[in-house]
Amino acid sequence: MALFNRFEAIACDSLSAVSLLALFVAASIQEIRSGHPATAWELVRAVR
């Protein structure tokens, strides 16, 4: 059971890291397109 919990924790950490990376990439693309840093609402629209 402990081994399964460890794998689950690793999977969650990896998923959150990928999510943060995707958010960073979306923010960078949005900033390049618009010429100004992206707002939170622009990021939500870009990720969807």
Protein backbone atom coordinates (compact mmCIF):
# COMPACT_ATOMS: atom_id res chain seq x y z
CA MET A 1 0.00 0.00 0.00
CA ALA A 2 2.83 2.41 0.82
CA LEU A 3 4.41 1.73 -2.57
CA PHE A 4 1.17 2.61 -4.35
CA ASN A 5 0.89 5.85 -2.37
CA ARG A 6 4.44 6.77 -3.33
CA PHE A 7 3.71 6.25 -7.04
CA GLU A 8 0.50 8.24 -6.70
CA ALA A 9 2.42 11.13 -5.12
CA ILE A 10 5.02 11.05 -7.91
CA ALA A 11 2.28 11.04 -10.56
CA CYS A 12 0.55 14.02 -8.92
CA ASP A 13 3.83 15.94 -8.69
CA SER A 14 4.58 15.22 -12.35
CA LEU A 15 1.11 16.29 -13.39
CA SER A 16 1.35 19.55 -11.47
CA ALA A 17 4.80 20.21 -12.94
CA VAL A 18 3.46 19.66 -16.46
CA SER A 19 0.51 21.94 -15.69
CA LEU A 20 2.82 24.70 -14.48
CA LEU A 21 5.01 24.29 -17.54
CA ALA A 22 1.97 24.54 -19.83
CA LEU A 23 0.83 27.66 -17.98
CA PHE A 24 4.29 29.23 -18.35
CA VAL A 25 4.37 28.45 -22.08
CA ALA A 26 0.87 29.89 -22.53
CA ALA A 27 1.92 33.03 -20.65
CA SER A 28 5.02 33.42 -22.82
CA ILE A 29 3.07 32.98 -26.06
CA GLN A 30 0.39 35.42 -24.92
CA GLU A 31 3.02 38.01 -23.98
CA ILE A 32 4.76 37.67 -27.34
CA ARG A 33 1.45 38.04 -29.21
CA SER A 34 0.10 41.01 -27.29
CA GLY A 35 3.32 42.78 -26.38
CA HIS A 36 2.43 42.97 -22.69
CA PRO A 37 2.39 40.43 -19.85
CA ALA A 38 -0.69 38.24 -19.86
CA THR A 39 -3.43 38.75 -17.32
CA ALA A 40 -4.89 35.78 -15.45
CA TRP A 41 -8.03 35.90 -17.60
CA GLU A 42 -5.97 35.81 -20.82
CA LEU A 43 -4.11 32.77 -19.50
CA VAL A 44 -7.33 30.96 -18.70
CA ARG A 45 -8.60 31.60 -22.23
CA ALA A 46 -5.26 30.52 -23.76
CA VAL A 47 -5.12 27.25 -21.81
CA ARG A 48 -8.69 26.32 -22.69
